[in-house]
Amino acid sequence: MNRVDLHTHSDKSDGSLTPTQLVDHAAELGISAIALTDHDTTEGVDEAISRGFKKGVMVVPGVELSSEYQGQDVHIVGLCIDHHDYDFCKKLNEFVDSRDNRNRKMCAKLTEAGMPVDYDELRETYTDSVITRAHYARFMCDKGYVKSPKEAFERYIGDHCPYFIPREKVTPMDAIKLILSADGIPVLAHPLLYGFGKERLDSLVSELKDSGLVALEAQYSTYSDADERDMRTVANKYKLLISGGSDFHGAAKPGLELGTGYGHLCVQESVLNTLLRYKRNLHKTKV
């Protein structure tokens, strides 16, 4: 039985492996296909696809977009996107600019508090990566300001912590439209992580379906069997396809392995085949 992983990250955002290393790791584990879904960037996709051809691993072009719904983060994964689409790439660059503005303010705030974080040094340390809070946490740990990245999040830069500055975000509906504009498949990522409760989550999925949501991440590293059944029920209710992935970040998420998550995750190749068949059929209707 071939396994796939449709939610992974490289060092182009907040993962620890390069796109090449990520594909090599997938090959070592016998994973037949992965989707590279870095945060707000597709910079590593071409490298991963090229390596995938050499290693016999199919690489699905993807992205994970951060959005905001009723004051809370909601992530939309885009699969099978045209990652060279001009307008799509232009919009992603605007997301990066928004992150940069936020990052400069956070650097200033941390520095004023006696934990100097120079923005240029931060950028130089993580060259070619979209800077996220995970990079701050590692940087602060290396500087000796905290004992672990976990402490950085819990005391300083996590949501609602004193030195966290939120950046401007699109709505999940806008994220879906952007993915659709790049001929991609929009997926609601890890829906149970938002802690919405059954009714509020149902309301969110209903709204997103009306905006063009195609799939729901019903298989995920932290889900129990009961969680997966619940997510499949929601997907069936709204006639959504199923996706699944580990949200692998390498060393940035210790103990979470590619393909298997925390040990029990198994996304079968048939999940990807269904998504690919949906896209092929969609193309036929457009012709």
Protein backbone atom coordinates (compact mmCIF):
# COMPACT_ATOMS: atom_id res chain seq x y z
CA MET A 1 0.00 0.00 0.00
CA ASN A 2 1.53 3.28 -1.13
CA ARG A 3 1.47 6.18 1.31
CA VAL A 4 1.40 9.90 0.53
CA ASP A 5 1.76 13.08 2.59
CA LEU A 6 -0.15 16.13 1.35
CA HIS A 7 0.96 18.65 3.98
CA THR A 8 4.70 19.26 4.39
CA HIS A 9 7.09 22.16 4.92
CA SER A 10 10.65 22.92 3.90
CA ASP A 11 13.17 25.53 4.98
CA LYS A 12 11.63 27.89 2.45
CA SER A 13 9.17 28.64 5.26
CA ASP A 14 9.47 27.16 8.76
CA GLY A 15 10.65 23.60 8.12
CA SER A 16 14.22 22.46 8.77
CA LEU A 17 14.93 20.46 5.59
CA THR A 18 15.65 21.87 2.16
CA PRO A 19 13.18 20.86 -0.56
CA THR A 20 15.79 18.39 -1.86
CA GLN A 21 16.32 16.89 1.60
CA LEU A 22 12.57 16.64 2.10
CA VAL A 23 12.16 14.62 -1.10
CA ASP A 24 15.14 12.44 -0.21
CA HIS A 25 13.59 11.75 3.18
CA ALA A 26 10.31 10.79 1.54
CA ALA A 27 12.15 8.38 -0.74
CA GLU A 28 13.96 6.83 2.23
CA LEU A 29 10.61 6.24 3.96
CA GLY A 30 9.00 4.76 0.87
CA ILE A 31 6.46 7.57 0.48
CA SER A 32 5.26 7.72 -3.11
CA ALA A 33 4.12 11.36 -3.19
CA ILE A 34 4.28 14.53 -1.13
CA ALA A 35 2.78 17.98 -1.45
CA LEU A 36 5.13 20.83 -0.60
CA THR A 37 2.88 23.35 1.17
CA ASP A 38 5.15 26.03 2.59
CA HIS A 39 3.62 29.07 4.26
CA ASP A 40 2.75 31.81 1.76
CA THR A 41 5.48 30.77 -0.69
CA THR A 42 6.10 28.34 -3.54
CA GLU A 43 9.83 29.07 -3.78
CA GLY A 44 10.83 25.47 -3.08
CA VAL A 45 8.39 23.73 -5.41
CA ASP A 46 10.52 23.60 -8.57
CA GLU A 47 13.52 22.27 -6.63
CA ALA A 48 11.35 19.60 -5.00
CA ILE A 49 9.75 18.55 -8.30
CA SER A 50 13.15 18.26 -9.96
CA ARG A 51 14.48 16.11 -7.12
CA GLY A 52 11.30 14.06 -7.14
CA PHE A 53 11.89 13.03 -10.76
CA LYS A 54 15.30 11.68 -9.77
CA LYS A 55 14.13 9.90 -6.62
CA GLY A 56 10.84 8.50 -7.88
CA VAL A 57 8.71 10.67 -5.60
CA MET A 58 5.79 12.61 -7.05
CA VAL A 59 5.77 16.20 -5.79
CA VAL A 60 2.44 18.04 -5.80
CA PRO A 61 2.83 21.83 -6.07
CA GLY A 62 1.19 23.40 -3.04
CA VAL A 63 1.05 26.26 -0.59
CA GLU A 64 -0.45 26.99 2.84
CA LEU A 65 -2.09 30.39 3.20
CA SER A 66 -2.67 32.03 6.57
CA SER A 67 -6.04 33.73 6.92
CA GLU A 68 -8.26 35.09 9.66
CA TYR A 69 -11.82 34.12 10.54
CA GLN A 70 -13.65 35.84 13.41
CA GLY A 71 -10.34 36.95 14.93
CA GLN A 72 -8.65 33.56 14.72
CA ASP A 73 -6.07 31.97 12.42
CA VAL A 74 -7.43 29.60 9.80
CA HIS A 75 -5.12 27.94 7.28
CA ILE A 76 -6.07 27.03 3.73
CA VAL A 77 -3.85 24.60 1.84
CA GLY A 78 -3.73 24.81 -1.93
CA LEU A 79 -2.90 21.61 -3.83
CA CYS A 80 -2.09 21.07 -7.51
CA ILE A 81 -1.65 24.81 -8.00
CA ASP A 82 -0.11 26.51 -11.02
CA HIS A 83 2.77 27.89 -8.98
CA HIS A 84 4.03 29.97 -11.91
CA ASP A 85 0.76 31.86 -12.40
CA TYR A 86 1.74 35.55 -12.55
CA ASP A 87 -1.15 37.02 -10.57
CA PHE A 88 -0.93 34.29 -7.94
CA CYS A 89 2.81 34.84 -7.46
CA LYS A 90 2.27 38.60 -7.27
CA LYS A 91 -0.26 38.14 -4.47
CA LEU A 92 2.08 35.81 -2.57
CA ASN A 93 4.76 38.50 -2.74
CA GLU A 94 2.30 40.88 -1.13
CA PHE A 95 1.85 38.35 1.69
CA VAL A 96 5.63 38.24 2.14
CA ASP A 97 5.77 42.04 2.27
CA SER A 98 3.10 41.98 4.97
CA ARG A 99 5.17 39.51 6.98
CA ASP A 100 8.27 41.67 6.59
CA ASN A 101 6.46 44.72 7.96
CA ARG A 102 5.25 42.71 10.92
CA ASN A 103 8.69 41.22 11.49
CA ARG A 104 10.41 44.59 11.63
CA LYS A 105 7.97 45.72 14.32
CA MET A 106 8.46 42.53 16.34
CA CYS A 107 12.24 42.88 16.14
CA ALA A 108 12.01 46.43 17.46
CA LYS A 109 9.69 45.38 20.28
CA LEU A 110 11.90 42.50 21.41
CA THR A 111 15.00 44.69 21.21
CA GLU A 112 13.37 47.37 23.37
CA ALA A 113 12.62 44.66 25.94
CA GLY A 114 16.31 43.76 26.26
CA MET A 115 16.38 40.85 23.79
CA PRO A 116 18.08 42.35 20.73
CA VAL A 117 16.78 40.82 17.51
CA ASP A 118 18.23 42.59 14.49
CA TYR A 119 16.00 42.20 11.47
CA ASP A 120 18.87 42.08 8.97
CA GLU A 121 20.68 39.45 11.05
CA LEU A 122 17.48 37.43 11.28
CA ARG A 123 17.07 37.56 7.50
CA GLU A 124 20.72 36.65 6.95
CA THR A 125 20.46 33.71 9.35
CA TYR A 126 17.49 32.27 7.47
CA THR A 127 18.32 33.24 3.91
CA ASP A 128 15.66 32.50 1.29
CA SER A 129 13.06 31.54 3.92
CA VAL A 130 9.75 33.24 4.62
CA ILE A 131 10.38 34.39 8.18
CA THR A 132 7.84 33.01 10.65
CA ARG A 133 7.67 32.98 14.42
CA ALA A 134 9.40 29.60 14.40
CA HIS A 135 12.50 31.38 13.09
CA TYR A 136 12.26 33.92 15.91
CA ALA A 137 12.07 31.09 18.43
CA ARG A 138 15.19 29.40 17.07
CA PHE A 139 17.04 32.72 16.85
CA MET A 140 16.16 33.63 20.46
CA CYS A 141 17.27 30.20 21.60
CA ASP A 142 20.61 30.52 19.80
CA LYS A 143 21.12 33.95 21.38
CA GLY A 144 20.47 32.56 24.85
CA TYR A 145 17.36 34.62 25.50
CA VAL A 146 15.34 31.46 26.06
CA LYS A 147 16.22 27.85 26.83
CA SER A 148 14.01 26.40 24.11
CA PRO A 149 11.83 27.47 21.18
CA LYS A 150 8.86 26.32 23.23
CA GLU A 151 9.71 28.87 25.94
CA ALA A 152 9.94 31.61 23.30
CA PHE A 153 6.38 30.89 22.20
CA GLU A 154 4.98 30.45 25.70
CA ARG A 155 6.49 33.62 27.17
CA TYR A 156 7.18 36.05 24.37
CA ILE A 157 5.94 35.48 20.81
CA GLY A 158 2.96 33.13 21.01
CA ASP A 159 -0.56 34.37 20.37
CA HIS A 160 -1.57 36.91 23.05
CA CYS A 161 2.02 37.11 24.36
CA PRO A 162 3.55 40.57 25.00
CA TYR A 163 5.82 40.68 21.93
CA PHE A 164 3.56 39.11 19.34
CA ILE A 165 2.33 41.42 16.60
CA PRO A 166 -0.30 40.00 14.25
CA ARG A 167 0.09 40.71 10.56
CA GLU A 168 -2.62 41.70 8.15
CA LYS A 169 -4.38 38.63 6.83
CA VAL A 170 -6.91 37.81 4.18
CA THR A 171 -10.11 35.96 4.98
CA PRO A 172 -10.22 32.20 4.31
CA MET A 173 -12.75 32.95 1.59
CA ASP A 174 -10.21 35.21 -0.13
CA ALA A 175 -7.53 32.51 0.28
CA ILE A 176 -9.81 30.00 -1.42
CA LYS A 177 -10.46 32.36 -4.32
CA LEU A 178 -6.73 32.96 -4.71
CA ILE A 179 -6.00 29.22 -4.86
CA LEU A 180 -8.80 28.71 -7.37
CA SER A 181 -7.37 31.51 -9.51
CA ALA A 182 -4.15 29.47 -9.74
CA ASP A 183 -6.12 26.40 -10.85
CA GLY A 184 -5.57 24.78 -7.45
CA ILE A 185 -7.60 22.68 -5.05
CA PRO A 186 -8.40 24.57 -1.81
CA VAL A 187 -8.32 22.46 1.35
CA LEU A 188 -9.28 23.47 4.90
CA ALA A 189 -6.18 22.54 6.88
CA HIS A 190 -6.34 20.74 10.27
CA PRO A 191 -9.89 21.96 11.11
CA LEU A 192 -9.91 20.56 14.63
CA LEU A 193 -6.86 22.58 15.69
CA TYR A 194 -8.88 25.80 15.73
CA GLY A 195 -10.93 24.68 18.73
CA PHE A 196 -14.13 26.05 17.24
CA GLY A 197 -16.54 23.48 18.59
CA LYS A 198 -18.91 21.45 16.45
CA GLU A 199 -21.45 24.17 15.55
CA ARG A 200 -18.94 26.92 14.82
CA LEU A 201 -16.79 24.59 12.72
CA ASP A 202 -19.85 23.47 10.80
CA SER A 203 -20.70 27.11 10.12
CA LEU A 204 -17.15 27.81 8.91
CA VAL A 205 -17.15 24.81 6.56
CA SER A 206 -20.54 25.85 5.19
CA GLU A 207 -19.26 29.36 4.41
CA LEU A 208 -16.07 28.03 2.85
CA LYS A 209 -17.98 25.54 0.72
CA ASP A 210 -20.03 28.43 -0.67
CA SER A 211 -16.75 30.18 -1.52
CA GLY A 212 -15.39 27.21 -3.44
CA LEU A 213 -13.76 24.94 -0.85
CA VAL A 214 -13.09 21.55 -2.44
CA ALA A 215 -11.54 19.40 0.28
CA LEU A 216 -11.06 19.04 4.02
CA GLU A 217 -7.98 17.71 5.82
CA ALA A 218 -9.66 14.74 7.51
CA GLN A 219 -6.39 12.90 8.22
CA TYR A 220 -3.81 14.68 10.34
CA SER A 221 -1.01 13.91 12.76
CA THR A 222 -2.87 14.80 15.95
CA TYR A 223 -6.23 13.22 15.06
CA SER A 224 -7.61 10.22 16.89
CA ASP A 225 -9.68 7.65 15.02
CA ALA A 226 -12.80 9.37 16.35
CA ASP A 227 -11.53 12.76 15.14
CA GLU A 228 -10.99 11.37 11.66
CA ARG A 229 -14.48 9.87 11.59
CA ASP A 230 -15.97 13.21 12.65
CA MET A 231 -14.08 15.07 9.92
CA ARG A 232 -15.15 12.56 7.30
CA THR A 233 -18.74 13.09 8.43
CA VAL A 234 -18.39 16.86 7.97
CA ALA A 235 -16.79 16.34 4.56
CA ASN A 236 -19.60 14.05 3.47
CA LYS A 237 -22.21 16.52 4.67
CA TYR A 238 -20.81 19.26 2.45
CA LYS A 239 -19.74 16.97 -0.41
CA LEU A 240 -16.07 17.76 0.11
CA LEU A 241 -13.14 15.58 -0.89
CA ILE A 242 -10.68 14.23 1.67
CA SER A 243 -7.07 15.28 2.06
CA GLY A 244 -4.51 14.36 4.65
CA GLY A 245 -0.97 15.06 5.76
CA SER A 246 1.45 15.16 8.63
CA ASP A 247 2.29 18.90 8.66
CA PHE A 248 5.91 17.77 8.73
CA HIS A 249 8.46 20.45 9.68
CA GLY A 250 11.53 18.31 10.37
CA ALA A 251 13.46 19.31 13.49
CA ALA A 252 11.09 22.24 13.97
CA LYS A 253 8.45 19.76 15.20
CA PRO A 254 10.36 17.04 17.08
CA GLY A 255 8.74 13.61 17.11
CA LEU A 256 6.50 14.31 14.13
CA GLU A 257 7.59 12.15 11.19
CA LEU A 258 6.93 12.55 7.50
CA GLY A 259 4.08 10.32 6.39
CA THR A 260 3.23 8.88 9.79
CA GLY A 261 2.95 11.96 12.00
CA TYR A 262 3.18 10.80 15.60
CA GLY A 263 3.03 7.17 14.53
CA HIS A 264 -0.49 6.32 13.42
CA LEU A 265 -1.09 8.51 10.38
CA CYS A 266 -1.49 6.72 7.05
CA VAL A 267 -2.77 8.66 4.03
CA GLN A 268 -3.29 6.22 1.19
CA GLU A 269 -2.38 7.03 -2.39
CA SER A 270 -6.05 6.74 -3.30
CA VAL A 271 -6.65 10.05 -1.48
CA LEU A 272 -4.29 11.82 -3.88
CA ASN A 273 -5.66 9.94 -6.88
CA THR A 274 -9.18 11.17 -6.06
CA LEU A 275 -7.95 14.77 -5.87
CA LEU A 276 -6.07 14.43 -9.16
CA ARG A 277 -9.11 12.87 -10.82
CA TYR A 278 -11.22 15.80 -9.62
CA LYS A 279 -8.79 18.24 -11.22
CA ARG A 280 -8.68 16.32 -14.50
CA ASN A 281 -12.48 16.24 -14.66
CA LEU A 282 -12.61 19.95 -13.87
CA HIS A 283 -10.31 20.66 -16.79
CA LYS A 284 -12.52 18.63 -19.11
CA THR A 285 -15.57 20.69 -18.17
CA LYS A 286 -13.65 23.90 -18.93
CA VAL A 287 -12.60 22.78 -22.40
